C-alpha atoms as a PDB file:
ATOM      1  CA  MET A   1     -15.778 -11.038  -0.308  1.00  0.00           C
ATOM      2  CA  LYS A   2     -14.506  -7.474  -0.328  1.00  0.00           C
ATOM      3  CA  LEU A   3     -13.678  -5.655   2.898  1.00  0.00           C
ATOM      4  CA  ALA A   4     -13.041  -1.965   3.498  1.00  0.00           C
ATOM      5  CA  THR A   5     -12.409   0.454   6.342  1.00  0.00           C
ATOM      6  CA  LEU A   6     -14.902   3.313   6.584  1.00  0.00           C
ATOM      7  CA  ARG A   7     -14.594   6.637   8.332  1.00  0.00           C
ATOM      8  CA  THR A   8     -17.373   7.177  10.860  1.00  0.00           C
ATOM      9  CA  ALA A   9     -19.224  10.332  11.856  1.00  0.00           C
ATOM     10  CA  ASP A  10     -17.420  10.515  15.201  1.00  0.00           C
ATOM     11  CA  GLY A  11     -14.005  10.638  13.525  1.00  0.00           C
ATOM     12  CA  GLY A  12     -13.234   6.959  14.041  1.00  0.00           C
ATOM     13  CA  THR A  13     -13.259   4.036  11.648  1.00  0.00           C
ATOM     14  CA  THR A  14     -15.063   0.732  11.246  1.00  0.00           C
ATOM     15  CA  ALA A  15     -14.501  -2.362   9.162  1.00  0.00           C
ATOM     16  CA  ALA A  16     -17.166  -3.016   6.557  1.00  0.00           C
ATOM     17  CA  LEU A  17     -18.256  -5.556   3.972  1.00  0.00           C
ATOM     18  CA  ALA A  18     -18.628  -4.171   0.444  1.00  0.00           C
ATOM     19  CA  THR A  19     -21.932  -5.306  -1.059  1.00  0.00           C
ATOM     20  CA  GLY A  20     -21.652  -3.642  -4.457  1.00  0.00           C
ATOM     21  CA  GLY A  21     -21.375  -0.106  -5.757  1.00  0.00           C
ATOM     22  CA  ASN A  22     -20.808   2.264  -2.836  1.00  0.00           C
ATOM     23  CA  SER A  23     -22.780   0.088  -0.416  1.00  0.00           C
ATOM     24  CA  TYR A  24     -21.193  -1.323   2.741  1.00  0.00           C
ATOM     25  CA  VAL A  25     -22.355  -3.279   5.791  1.00  0.00           C
ATOM     26  CA  PRO A  26     -20.502  -2.026   8.923  1.00  0.00           C
ATOM     27  CA  LEU A  27     -18.835  -4.770  10.954  1.00  0.00           C
ATOM     28  CA  PRO A  28     -17.995  -4.994  14.689  1.00  0.00           C
ATOM     29  CA  ALA A  29     -14.305  -4.108  14.363  1.00  0.00           C
ATOM     30  CA  ASN A  30     -12.458  -0.801  14.215  1.00  0.00           C
ATOM     31  CA  ASP A  31     -10.840  -1.553  10.866  1.00  0.00           C
ATOM     32  CA  VAL A  32      -9.987  -4.441   8.551  1.00  0.00           C
ATOM     33  CA  GLY A  33      -6.795  -5.199  10.451  1.00  0.00           C
ATOM     34  CA  ALA A  34      -8.677  -5.492  13.742  1.00  0.00           C
ATOM     35  CA  LEU A  35     -11.240  -7.716  12.024  1.00  0.00           C
ATOM     36  CA  LEU A  36      -8.541 -10.084  10.729  1.00  0.00           C
ATOM     37  CA  ALA A  37      -7.158 -10.420  14.248  1.00  0.00           C
ATOM     38  CA  VAL A  38     -10.407 -12.153  15.274  1.00  0.00           C
ATOM     39  CA  ARG A  39      -9.929 -15.916  14.987  1.00  0.00           C
ATOM     40  CA  ASP A  40     -13.219 -16.603  13.200  1.00  0.00           C
ATOM     41  CA  TRP A  41     -13.444 -13.350  11.269  1.00  0.00           C
ATOM     42  CA  ARG A  42     -15.093 -14.949   8.241  1.00  0.00           C
ATOM     43  CA  ALA A  43     -17.899 -16.359  10.374  1.00  0.00           C
ATOM     44  CA  LEU A  44     -18.293 -12.934  11.995  1.00  0.00           C
ATOM     45  CA  VAL A  45     -18.696 -11.277   8.577  1.00  0.00           C
ATOM     46  CA  GLU A  46     -21.174 -13.875   7.365  1.00  0.00           C
ATOM     47  CA  ALA A  47     -23.188 -13.640  10.574  1.00  0.00           C
ATOM     48  CA  ALA A  48     -23.372  -9.848  10.293  1.00  0.00           C
ATOM     49  CA  LEU A  49     -24.606 -10.120   6.732  1.00  0.00           C
ATOM     50  CA  VAL A  50     -27.257 -12.686   7.604  1.00  0.00           C
ATOM     51  CA  ALA A  51     -28.387 -10.722  10.657  1.00  0.00           C
ATOM     52  CA  THR A  52     -28.940  -7.556   8.660  1.00  0.00           C
ATOM     53  CA  SER A  53     -29.977  -9.107   5.323  1.00  0.00           C
ATOM     54  CA  GLY A  54     -28.385  -6.020   3.829  1.00  0.00           C
ATOM     55  CA  ALA A  55     -30.766  -3.700   5.682  1.00  0.00           C
ATOM     56  CA  ALA A  56     -27.916  -2.037   7.566  1.00  0.00           C
ATOM     57  CA  ALA A  57     -25.920  -1.323   4.411  1.00  0.00           C
ATOM     58  CA  VAL A  58     -24.834   2.286   4.097  1.00  0.00           C
ATOM     59  CA  SER A  59     -23.964   4.240   0.981  1.00  0.00           C
ATOM     60  CA  THR A  60     -20.442   5.587   1.318  1.00  0.00           C
ATOM     61  CA  PRO A  61     -18.620   7.718  -1.279  1.00  0.00           C
ATOM     62  CA  ALA A  62     -14.947   7.063  -1.941  1.00  0.00           C
ATOM     63  CA  SER A  63     -14.028  10.170   0.067  1.00  0.00           C
ATOM     64  CA  GLU A  64     -15.248   8.416   3.231  1.00  0.00           C
ATOM     65  CA  LEU A  65     -13.047   5.360   2.822  1.00  0.00           C
ATOM     66  CA  ALA A  66     -10.092   5.266   5.203  1.00  0.00           C
ATOM     67  CA  PRO A  67      -6.758   3.536   4.558  1.00  0.00           C
ATOM     68  CA  LEU A  68      -7.599  -0.165   4.529  1.00  0.00           C
ATOM     69  CA  LEU A  69      -5.224  -0.929   7.435  1.00  0.00           C
ATOM     70  CA  PRO A  70      -4.783   2.352   9.332  1.00  0.00           C
ATOM     71  CA  ARG A  71      -3.067   0.621  12.272  1.00  0.00           C
ATOM     72  CA  ALA A  72      -0.952  -1.920  10.406  1.00  0.00           C
ATOM     73  CA  GLY A  73       1.734  -3.238  12.735  1.00  0.00           C
ATOM     74  CA  LYS A  74       4.176  -3.785   9.876  1.00  0.00           C
ATOM     75  CA  VAL A  75       4.264  -2.313   6.387  1.00  0.00           C
ATOM     76  CA  ILE A  76       7.024  -4.020   4.423  1.00  0.00           C
ATOM     77  CA  CYS A  77       7.792  -3.186   0.803  1.00  0.00           C
ATOM     78  CA  CYS A  78       9.723  -4.928  -1.932  1.00  0.00           C
ATOM     79  CA  GLY A  79      11.621  -2.827  -4.446  1.00  0.00           C
ATOM     80  CA  LEU A  80      12.826  -3.905  -7.880  1.00  0.00           C
ATOM     81  CA  ASN A  81      10.519  -6.893  -8.249  1.00  0.00           C
ATOM     82  CA  TYR A  82       9.287  -6.618 -11.858  1.00  0.00           C
ATOM     83  CA  GLY A  83      11.770  -7.509 -14.572  1.00  0.00           C
ATOM     84  CA  ASP A  84      10.986  -4.439 -16.714  1.00  0.00           C
ATOM     85  CA  HIS A  85      11.306  -2.045 -13.778  1.00  0.00           C
ATOM     86  CA  ILE A  86      14.631  -3.586 -12.787  1.00  0.00           C
ATOM     87  CA  GLN A  87      15.912  -3.040 -16.312  1.00  0.00           C
ATOM     88  CA  GLU A  88      14.751   0.595 -16.509  1.00  0.00           C
ATOM     89  CA  MET A  89      16.596   1.279 -13.254  1.00  0.00           C
ATOM     90  CA  GLY A  90      19.784  -0.219 -14.746  1.00  0.00           C
ATOM     91  CA  ARG A  91      20.075  -3.196 -12.393  1.00  0.00           C
ATOM     92  CA  GLU A  92      20.359  -6.966 -12.673  1.00  0.00           C
ATOM     93  CA  LEU A  93      17.762  -9.455 -11.441  1.00  0.00           C
ATOM     94  CA  PRO A  94      18.223  -9.846  -7.674  1.00  0.00           C
ATOM     95  CA  GLN A  95      19.000 -13.073  -5.862  1.00  0.00           C
ATOM     96  CA  TYR A  96      17.084 -11.884  -2.796  1.00  0.00           C
ATOM     97  CA  PRO A  97      14.212  -9.388  -2.343  1.00  0.00           C
ATOM     98  CA  THR A  98      15.171  -5.765  -1.788  1.00  0.00           C
ATOM     99  CA  LEU A  99      13.106  -4.819   1.254  1.00  0.00           C
ATOM    100  CA  PHE A 100      12.363  -1.642   3.162  1.00  0.00           C
ATOM    101  CA  ALA A 101       9.762  -0.676   5.741  1.00  0.00           C
ATOM    102  CA  LYS A 102       7.188   2.035   6.211  1.00  0.00           C
ATOM    103  CA  TYR A 103       5.116   3.039   9.214  1.00  0.00           C
ATOM    104  CA  ALA A 104       1.336   3.029   9.457  1.00  0.00           C
ATOM    105  CA  ASP A 105       1.609   6.849   9.478  1.00  0.00           C
ATOM    106  CA  THR A 106       2.569   6.727   5.791  1.00  0.00           C
ATOM    107  CA  LEU A 107      -0.801   5.229   4.799  1.00  0.00           C
ATOM    108  CA  THR A 108      -3.683   7.305   3.469  1.00  0.00           C
ATOM    109  CA  GLY A 109      -7.107   6.655   1.965  1.00  0.00           C
ATOM    110  CA  PRO A 110      -8.001   5.735  -1.605  1.00  0.00           C
ATOM    111  CA  ALA A 111      -9.434   9.194  -2.394  1.00  0.00           C
ATOM    112  CA  ASP A 112      -7.443  11.322   0.063  1.00  0.00           C
ATOM    113  CA  THR A 113      -5.307  14.251  -1.024  1.00  0.00           C
ATOM    114  CA  ILE A 114      -1.603  13.443  -0.746  1.00  0.00           C
ATOM    115  CA  HIS A 115       0.336  16.332   0.795  1.00  0.00           C
ATOM    116  CA  VAL A 116       4.098  16.335   0.199  1.00  0.00           C
ATOM    117  CA  HIS A 117       6.306  18.851   1.978  1.00  0.00           C
ATOM    118  CA  GLY A 118       9.838  19.607   0.875  1.00  0.00           C
ATOM    119  CA  SER A 119      10.358  17.377  -2.170  1.00  0.00           C
ATOM    120  CA  ALA A 120      10.708  18.439  -5.799  1.00  0.00           C
ATOM    121  CA  LYS A 121      10.948  14.917  -7.222  1.00  0.00           C
ATOM    122  CA  VAL A 122       7.743  13.105  -6.301  1.00  0.00           C
ATOM    123  CA  ASP A 123       7.353   9.844  -8.224  1.00  0.00           C
ATOM    124  CA  TRP A 124       4.640   7.193  -8.589  1.00  0.00           C
ATOM    125  CA  GLU A 125       4.797   3.419  -8.040  1.00  0.00           C
ATOM    126  CA  ALA A 126       1.576   1.461  -8.633  1.00  0.00           C
ATOM    127  CA  GLU A 127       1.601  -1.785  -6.657  1.00  0.00           C
ATOM    128  CA  LEU A 128      -0.284  -4.895  -5.625  1.00  0.00           C
ATOM    129  CA  ALA A 129      -0.298  -5.205  -1.841  1.00  0.00           C
ATOM    130  CA  VAL A 130      -0.807  -8.398   0.172  1.00  0.00           C
ATOM    131  CA  VAL A 131      -2.732  -8.448   3.458  1.00  0.00           C
ATOM    132  CA  VAL A 132      -1.583 -10.996   6.033  1.00  0.00           C
ATOM    133  CA  GLY A 133      -4.405 -13.010   7.590  1.00  0.00           C
ATOM    134  CA  SER A 134      -2.680 -15.242  10.135  1.00  0.00           C
ATOM    135  CA  LYS A 135       0.551 -15.372  12.109  1.00  0.00           C
ATOM    136  CA  LEU A 136       3.628 -16.375  10.122  1.00  0.00           C
ATOM    137  CA  PHE A 137       7.114 -17.098  11.415  1.00  0.00           C
ATOM    138  CA  ARG A 138       9.767 -19.058   9.538  1.00  0.00           C
ATOM    139  CA  ALA A 139       7.090 -20.295   7.177  1.00  0.00           C
ATOM    140  CA  ASP A 140       7.529 -22.114   3.888  1.00  0.00           C
ATOM    141  CA  GLU A 141       5.800 -20.880   0.743  1.00  0.00           C
ATOM    142  CA  ASP A 142       2.788 -23.153   1.126  1.00  0.00           C
ATOM    143  CA  GLU A 143       2.191 -21.929   4.685  1.00  0.00           C
ATOM    144  CA  ALA A 144       2.650 -18.343   3.525  1.00  0.00           C
ATOM    145  CA  ARG A 145       0.153 -18.792   0.700  1.00  0.00           C
ATOM    146  CA  LYS A 146      -2.470 -20.097   3.130  1.00  0.00           C
ATOM    147  CA  ALA A 147      -1.846 -17.099   5.417  1.00  0.00           C
ATOM    148  CA  ILE A 148      -2.769 -14.514   2.771  1.00  0.00           C
ATOM    149  CA  ALA A 149      -6.080 -12.907   3.745  1.00  0.00           C
ATOM    150  CA  GLY A 150      -6.374 -10.995   0.510  1.00  0.00           C
ATOM    151  CA  TYR A 151      -5.075  -8.359  -1.872  1.00  0.00           C
ATOM    152  CA  THR A 152      -5.442  -4.607  -2.235  1.00  0.00           C
ATOM    153  CA  VAL A 153      -4.141  -1.648  -4.249  1.00  0.00           C
ATOM    154  CA  ALA A 154      -1.308   0.641  -3.134  1.00  0.00           C
ATOM    155  CA  ASN A 155       0.948   3.326  -4.528  1.00  0.00           C
ATOM    156  CA  ASP A 156       4.436   3.643  -3.058  1.00  0.00           C
ATOM    157  CA  VAL A 157       4.713   7.369  -3.759  1.00  0.00           C
ATOM    158  CA  SER A 158       8.440   8.111  -3.552  1.00  0.00           C
ATOM    159  CA  MET A 159      10.349  11.319  -2.936  1.00  0.00           C
ATOM    160  CA  ARG A 160      13.342  10.580  -5.164  1.00  0.00           C
ATOM    161  CA  ASP A 161      15.469  13.531  -4.067  1.00  0.00           C
ATOM    162  CA  TRP A 162      15.246  12.325  -0.472  1.00  0.00           C
ATOM    163  CA  GLN A 163      15.599   8.675  -1.475  1.00  0.00           C
ATOM    164  CA  ASN A 164      18.842   9.338  -3.342  1.00  0.00           C
ATOM    165  CA  ARG A 165      20.521  11.338  -0.590  1.00  0.00           C
ATOM    166  CA  THR A 166      22.016   8.093   0.727  1.00  0.00           C
ATOM    167  CA  LEU A 167      22.207   4.432  -0.240  1.00  0.00           C
ATOM    168  CA  GLN A 168      19.306   3.707   2.131  1.00  0.00           C
ATOM    169  CA  TRP A 169      15.846   4.331   0.626  1.00  0.00           C
ATOM    170  CA  PHE A 170      13.872   4.773   3.857  1.00  0.00           C
ATOM    171  CA  GLN A 171      13.797   8.568   4.037  1.00  0.00           C
ATOM    172  CA  GLY A 172      12.337   8.889   0.541  1.00  0.00           C
ATOM    173  CA  LYS A 173       9.667   6.273   1.137  1.00  0.00           C
ATOM    174  CA  ALA A 174       8.241   7.065   4.563  1.00  0.00           C
ATOM    175  CA  PHE A 175       6.717  10.548   4.315  1.00  0.00           C
ATOM    176  CA  ASP A 176       3.542  10.668   6.417  1.00  0.00           C
ATOM    177  CA  GLY A 177       0.252  10.292   4.554  1.00  0.00           C
ATOM    178  CA  THR A 178       1.752   9.593   1.130  1.00  0.00           C
ATOM    179  CA  THR A 179       0.972   5.903   0.525  1.00  0.00           C
ATOM    180  CA  PRO A 180      -2.652   5.418  -0.554  1.00  0.00           C
ATOM    181  CA  VAL A 181      -4.087   1.949   0.127  1.00  0.00           C
ATOM    182  CA  GLY A 182      -7.499   0.468  -0.706  1.00  0.00           C
ATOM    183  CA  PRO A 183     -10.240   0.868  -1.651  1.00  0.00           C
ATOM    184  CA  VAL A 184     -10.995  -2.713  -0.585  1.00  0.00           C
ATOM    185  CA  MET A 185      -9.304  -5.994   0.211  1.00  0.00           C
ATOM    186  CA  VAL A 186     -10.437  -8.842  -2.027  1.00  0.00           C
ATOM    187  CA  THR A 187     -10.175 -12.104  -0.095  1.00  0.00           C
ATOM    188  CA  ALA A 188      -7.713 -14.638  -1.469  1.00  0.00           C
ATOM    189  CA  ASP A 189     -10.407 -17.246  -2.103  1.00  0.00           C
ATOM    190  CA  GLU A 190     -11.945 -14.979  -4.758  1.00  0.00           C
ATOM    191  CA  VAL A 191      -8.706 -14.558  -6.706  1.00  0.00           C
ATOM    192  CA  ASP A 192      -7.912 -16.774  -9.656  1.00  0.00           C
ATOM    193  CA  GLY A 193      -4.721 -15.964 -11.531  1.00  0.00           C
ATOM    194  CA  ASP A 194      -2.578 -12.855 -11.754  1.00  0.00           C
ATOM    195  CA  PHE A 195      -3.345  -9.146 -11.588  1.00  0.00           C
ATOM    196  CA  GLU A 196      -3.013  -6.299 -14.072  1.00  0.00           C
ATOM    197  CA  VAL A 197      -1.452  -3.314 -12.283  1.00  0.00           C
ATOM    198  CA  ARG A 198      -1.903   0.106 -13.903  1.00  0.00           C
ATOM    199  CA  GLY A 199      -0.944   3.677 -13.091  1.00  0.00           C
ATOM    200  CA  TYR A 200      -2.112   6.990 -14.578  1.00  0.00           C
ATOM    201  CA  VAL A 201      -1.140  10.639 -14.152  1.00  0.00           C
ATOM    202  CA  ASN A 202      -3.963  13.038 -15.024  1.00  0.00           C
ATOM    203  CA  GLY A 203      -5.594  10.198 -16.963  1.00  0.00           C
ATOM    204  CA  GLU A 204      -2.475   9.430 -19.013  1.00  0.00           C
ATOM    205  CA  PRO A 205      -1.342   5.783 -18.761  1.00  0.00           C
ATOM    206  CA  VAL A 206       2.197   5.623 -17.357  1.00  0.00           C
ATOM    207  CA  GLN A 207       2.435   2.118 -15.883  1.00  0.00           C
ATOM    208  CA  SER A 208       1.115  -1.299 -16.838  1.00  0.00           C
ATOM    209  CA  GLY A 209       2.333  -4.660 -15.625  1.00  0.00           C
ATOM    210  CA  ASN A 210       1.160  -8.139 -14.773  1.00  0.00           C
ATOM    211  CA  THR A 211       2.040  -9.797 -11.483  1.00  0.00           C
ATOM    212  CA  SER A 212       2.944 -12.969 -13.399  1.00  0.00           C
ATOM    213  CA  THR A 213       6.286 -11.253 -14.092  1.00  0.00           C
ATOM    214  CA  LEU A 214       7.150 -10.682 -10.424  1.00  0.00           C
ATOM    215  CA  VAL A 215      10.578 -12.030  -9.521  1.00  0.00           C
ATOM    216  CA  PHE A 216       9.315 -12.800  -6.015  1.00  0.00           C
ATOM    217  CA  GLY A 217       5.598 -13.611  -5.881  1.00  0.00           C
ATOM    218  CA  PRO A 218       3.366 -12.915  -2.851  1.00  0.00           C
ATOM    219  CA  ALA A 219       3.803 -16.293  -1.118  1.00  0.00           C
ATOM    220  CA  ARG A 220       7.550 -16.303  -1.699  1.00  0.00           C
ATOM    221  CA  LEU A 221       7.843 -12.773  -0.334  1.00  0.00           C
ATOM    222  CA  LEU A 222       5.871 -13.541   2.806  1.00  0.00           C
ATOM    223  CA  SER A 223       7.847 -16.714   3.400  1.00  0.00           C
ATOM    224  CA  TYR A 224      11.151 -14.850   3.011  1.00  0.00           C
ATOM    225  CA  ILE A 225      10.119 -12.004   5.318  1.00  0.00           C
ATOM    226  CA  SER A 226       8.890 -14.456   7.943  1.00  0.00           C
ATOM    227  CA  GLN A 227      12.373 -15.935   8.209  1.00  0.00           C
ATOM    228  CA  PHE A 228      13.547 -12.862  10.143  1.00  0.00           C
ATOM    229  CA  THR A 229      10.410 -11.208  11.537  1.00  0.00           C
ATOM    230  CA  VAL A 230       6.985 -12.447  12.547  1.00  0.00           C
ATOM    231  CA  LEU A 231       4.032 -11.378  10.413  1.00  0.00           C
ATOM    232  CA  ARG A 232       0.625 -10.979  12.023  1.00  0.00           C
ATOM    233  CA  PRO A 233      -2.959 -10.460  10.849  1.00  0.00           C
ATOM    234  CA  GLY A 234      -3.373  -7.009   9.384  1.00  0.00           C
ATOM    235  CA  ASP A 235       0.256  -6.568   8.349  1.00  0.00           C
ATOM    236  CA  LEU A 236       0.762  -5.274   4.812  1.00  0.00           C
ATOM    237  CA  VAL A 237       3.338  -6.257   2.191  1.00  0.00           C
ATOM    238  CA  LEU A 238       3.763  -4.185  -0.994  1.00  0.00           C
ATOM    239  CA  THR A 239       5.071  -6.345  -3.825  1.00  0.00           C
ATOM    240  CA  GLY A 240       6.874  -3.802  -6.024  1.00  0.00           C
ATOM    241  CA  THR A 241       6.051  -1.729  -9.081  1.00  0.00           C
ATOM    242  CA  PRO A 242       6.173  -2.417 -12.836  1.00  0.00           C
ATOM    243  CA  GLY A 243       8.069  -0.276 -15.330  1.00  0.00           C
ATOM    244  CA  GLY A 244       7.015   3.256 -16.154  1.00  0.00           C
ATOM    245  CA  VAL A 245       8.064   5.204 -13.071  1.00  0.00           C
ATOM    246  CA  GLY A 246       8.965   8.830 -13.616  1.00  0.00           C
ATOM    247  CA  MET A 247      12.598   8.468 -12.570  1.00  0.00           C
ATOM    248  CA  GLY A 248      13.117   5.855 -15.293  1.00  0.00           C
ATOM    249  CA  MET A 249      11.928   8.140 -18.101  1.00  0.00           C
ATOM    250  CA  THR A 250      14.206  10.155 -20.410  1.00  0.00           C
ATOM    251  CA  PRO A 251      14.250  12.857 -19.244  1.00  0.00           C
ATOM    252  CA  PRO A 252      12.983  11.969 -15.765  1.00  0.00           C
ATOM    253  CA  ARG A 253       9.441  13.112 -15.032  1.00  0.00           C
ATOM    254  CA  PHE A 254       7.921  13.883 -11.646  1.00  0.00           C
ATOM    255  CA  LEU A 255       4.531  14.849 -10.265  1.00  0.00           C
ATOM    256  CA  ASN A 256       3.462  18.487 -10.186  1.00  0.00           C
ATOM    257  CA  ASP A 257       1.263  20.250  -7.676  1.00  0.00           C
ATOM    258  CA  GLY A 258      -2.369  19.414  -8.442  1.00  0.00           C
ATOM    259  CA  ASP A 259      -1.708  16.280 -10.487  1.00  0.00           C
ATOM    260  CA  VAL A 260      -4.197  13.426 -10.105  1.00  0.00           C
ATOM    261  CA  LEU A 261      -2.572  10.045  -9.486  1.00  0.00           C
ATOM    262  CA  THR A 262      -4.720   7.017 -10.315  1.00  0.00           C
ATOM    263  CA  THR A 263      -3.740   3.474  -9.376  1.00  0.00           C
ATOM    264  CA  GLU A 264      -5.819   0.574 -10.628  1.00  0.00           C
ATOM    265  CA  ILE A 265      -5.780  -3.194 -10.311  1.00  0.00           C
ATOM    266  CA  VAL A 266      -8.373  -5.019 -12.350  1.00  0.00           C
ATOM    267  CA  GLY A 267     -10.597  -7.080 -10.061  1.00  0.00           C
ATOM    268  CA  ILE A 268      -9.811  -5.054  -6.922  1.00  0.00           C
ATOM    269  CA  GLY A 269     -10.434  -1.377  -7.569  1.00  0.00           C
ATOM    270  CA  ARG A 270      -8.769   1.976  -7.984  1.00  0.00           C
ATOM    271  CA  LEU A 271      -7.202   4.761  -5.988  1.00  0.00           C
ATOM    272  CA  GLU A 272      -7.569   8.347  -7.154  1.00  0.00           C
ATOM    273  CA  ASN A 273      -5.495  10.862  -5.243  1.00  0.00           C
ATOM    274  CA  THR A 274      -4.768  14.513  -5.914  1.00  0.00           C
ATOM    275  CA  VAL A 275      -1.150  15.397  -5.101  1.00  0.00           C
ATOM    276  CA  ARG A 276      -0.366  18.707  -3.423  1.00  0.00           C
ATOM    277  CA  ILE A 277       3.314  19.629  -3.303  1.00  0.00           C
ATOM    278  CA  HIS A 278       4.335  22.211  -0.725  1.00  0.00           C
ATOM    279  CA  ALA A 279       7.613  24.091  -0.464  1.00  0.00           C
ATOM    280  CA  ALA A 280       9.988  22.990   2.246  1.00  0.00           C
ATOM    281  CA  ASP A 281       9.458  24.570   5.640  1.00  0.00           C
ATOM    282  CA  SER A 282      12.385  26.524   7.033  1.00  0.00           C
ATOM    283  CA  PRO A 283      14.477  24.104   9.088  1.00  0.00           C
ATOM    284  CA  LYS A 284      14.828  24.712  12.777  1.00  0.00           C
ATOM    285  CA  THR A 285      18.291  25.954  13.628  1.00  0.00           C
ATOM    286  CA  THR A 286      20.410  24.528  16.407  1.00  0.00           C
ATOM    287  CA  THR A 287      23.606  25.767  17.924  1.00  0.00           C
ATOM    288  CA  ALA A 288      26.422  23.312  17.505  1.00  0.00           C
ATOM    289  CA  SER A 289      28.690  22.753  20.472  1.00  0.00           C
ATOM    290  CA  THR A 290      32.381  23.454  20.079  1.00  0.00           C
ATOM    291  CA  SER A 291      34.549  20.347  19.945  1.00  0.00           C
ATOM    292  CA  THR A 292      38.273  19.882  19.441  1.00  0.00           C
ATOM    293  CA  SER A 293      37.953  16.220  18.448  1.00  0.00           C
ATOM    294  CA  LYS A 294      38.512  15.305  14.807  1.00  0.00           C
ATOM    295  CA  GLU A 295      36.261  12.512  13.470  1.00  0.00           C
END
C-alpha cells in the first residue's frame, strides 16, 4: 500500500491511502506518522478502505500533498553512504556511518516551493528515506528490518557555504522548509529489491544511483542508530545520496533562483520543487560588553 499526508481545507493535515493516480482515501489520523503510532494501523487502513469501497476517495493534486511526516520526532541522515559519492568528495570508505540530524521544521511537501535565505551555494542530494514503523532500541539488523514501515523520497538540499563554515555539517543541513519528502510511503511488504535514485535540475539528469551500492543499507543504519537513541514510529532516516552533487563537479555547480529540482525513485514517486533563493537579511546588531579577560 501507499500512504500520504494530505493538506485539508481547514489548514490541517490527514493521513490518506493512495488508490491510484491522484486519488486518496482519507484516514482517521492527522498524518502518516500519527497513523503508524497506532498499534494496528494496517487493520485500520484496510477497514477504512472496506467501509468506503473507494467512495470516499478524493482527487488531490500534488500541490495539496504535505510533507509525509510533518511531525517526525527524529529526522536522522547519513552522509557519504554511496561509494561513488564518497569518491567524488575525496574521502575513503567509512568504518561507521556519518550521521547528522534535522528537525521536523526542515521538511516540506513534494511540490512545495523551497525558499532559501542567505546562501549562495545551494546543492542537491537525492535520497531514499526509511520510515520507522515500530519502536527500536539496541536492535540487531533483523529486528531493524522488521521495524521498517516503508520507504519514501527525499532531497537533502544543502547550503554548502554554511555547511563548510565549520567541521560540523548541521548548520548547512537544517534550514527550515528545505527538505522535500514524499509524495508517498510505499510499505516495506511491497518492496522487492533495490531502488534507483535519480535527481534532475531543470529536467537535466544530474544524479543516478542504485541503493545496492550503499555502504550501510537501511536495516544496518537503523540498527546502528538504535544503539544510542530510541527510534519510534514515524521517525525518518535519510540514507545518503549517490554521486552527482553540485559541489563535486568541476567547477562546482549550485542551484539558481527559479531552478526546478526533481527527485525520483522508481517504484515510489517523484518530488518536483521550485527553488527560490533570497538574499541574506541584514543581521541584527548587538552591543558587545567590554571585558578585560583574554580567552
